Protein backbone atom coordinates (compact mmCIF):
# COMPACT_ATOMS: atom_id res chain seq x y z
CA MET A 1 -83.89 142.38 28.76
CA TRP A 2 -86.68 141.94 31.34
CA ASP A 3 -87.89 138.39 31.62
CA VAL A 4 -91.40 137.75 32.85
CA ARG A 5 -90.29 134.34 34.23
CA GLN A 6 -88.08 136.18 36.74
CA SER A 7 -90.80 138.62 37.78
CA GLN A 8 -91.53 139.16 41.37
CA LEU A 9 -95.32 139.28 40.73
CA PRO A 10 -97.12 136.72 42.83
CA ILE A 11 -99.69 136.02 40.11
CA LEU A 12 -96.90 134.43 37.95
CA ASP A 13 -95.77 131.94 40.63
CA GLY A 14 -96.50 128.32 39.67
CA LEU A 15 -98.05 128.94 36.29
CA VAL A 16 -97.63 125.98 33.88
CA GLY A 17 -98.36 126.15 30.09
CA CYS A 18 -101.31 124.47 28.67
CA CYS A 19 -99.33 122.94 25.78
CA GLY A 20 -96.37 121.51 27.72
CA ALA A 21 -94.75 121.38 31.08
CA ASN A 22 -92.62 124.27 32.28
CA GLN A 23 -94.02 126.76 29.68
CA LEU A 24 -95.62 129.97 30.58
CA ASN A 25 -98.97 130.95 28.95
CA ILE A 26 -99.24 134.53 27.71
CA LEU A 27 -102.58 135.97 26.73
CA VAL A 28 -102.36 138.15 23.61
CA THR A 29 -105.46 140.20 22.93
CA GLY A 30 -105.80 140.92 19.23
CA GLY A 31 -103.35 138.11 18.46
CA ALA A 32 -104.98 137.26 15.09
CA GLY A 33 -104.16 140.76 13.67
CA TYR A 34 -100.88 141.85 11.97
CA ILE A 35 -99.15 143.16 15.09
CA GLY A 36 -100.62 140.63 17.48
CA SER A 37 -99.63 137.66 15.30
CA HIS A 38 -96.04 138.95 15.06
CA ALA A 39 -96.11 139.32 18.88
CA CYS A 40 -97.22 135.68 19.19
CA LYS A 41 -94.55 134.58 16.85
CA ALA A 42 -91.80 136.32 18.93
CA LEU A 43 -93.28 134.89 22.21
CA ALA A 44 -93.27 131.39 20.81
CA ALA A 45 -89.72 131.75 19.67
CA LYS A 46 -88.73 132.60 23.26
CA GLY A 47 -90.53 129.41 24.62
CA TYR A 48 -93.80 130.97 25.75
CA VAL A 49 -97.30 129.71 24.80
CA PRO A 50 -99.15 132.64 23.24
CA ILE A 51 -102.89 132.24 23.70
CA THR A 52 -104.66 134.35 21.15
CA TYR A 53 -107.81 136.12 22.33
CA ASP A 54 -109.53 137.75 19.38
CA ASN A 55 -113.00 138.35 18.08
CA LEU A 56 -111.74 138.11 14.49
CA SER A 57 -113.47 141.26 13.41
CA ARG A 58 -110.25 142.44 11.79
CA GLY A 59 -107.93 139.51 12.40
CA ASN A 60 -107.71 136.18 10.60
CA VAL A 61 -107.79 132.59 11.86
CA TRP A 62 -104.87 131.71 9.45
CA ALA A 63 -102.66 134.20 11.36
CA VAL A 64 -102.89 132.14 14.54
CA LYS A 65 -100.07 129.61 14.09
CA TRP A 66 -98.08 129.60 17.39
CA GLY A 67 -100.72 128.70 20.02
CA PRO A 68 -104.42 128.22 20.70
CA LEU A 69 -107.13 130.65 19.69
CA GLU A 70 -109.93 131.77 21.92
CA LYS A 71 -112.56 133.50 19.81
CA ALA A 72 -114.33 136.02 22.02
CA ASP A 73 -114.71 139.76 22.58
CA ILE A 74 -113.47 141.50 25.71
CA ALA A 75 -116.49 143.83 25.41
CA ASP A 76 -118.97 141.00 26.00
CA GLY A 77 -118.71 141.32 29.79
CA GLN A 78 -119.28 137.61 30.50
């Protein structure tokens, strides 16, 4: 299985999780929906910190249980 922690991408070098040392933050767009919340659950089980980015137009706040929620819309452009 491919592990993002062993990636050769320079953007991943030196990243530290917001909720604990030595954890990698993963941004999950749509993380408050059905599929996104299950993706966050799986990421958290592997030791990552899933940061949910969702406008909650179809998702639910109660579905965000495994990391912080950033309520915003990627279409905003700001």
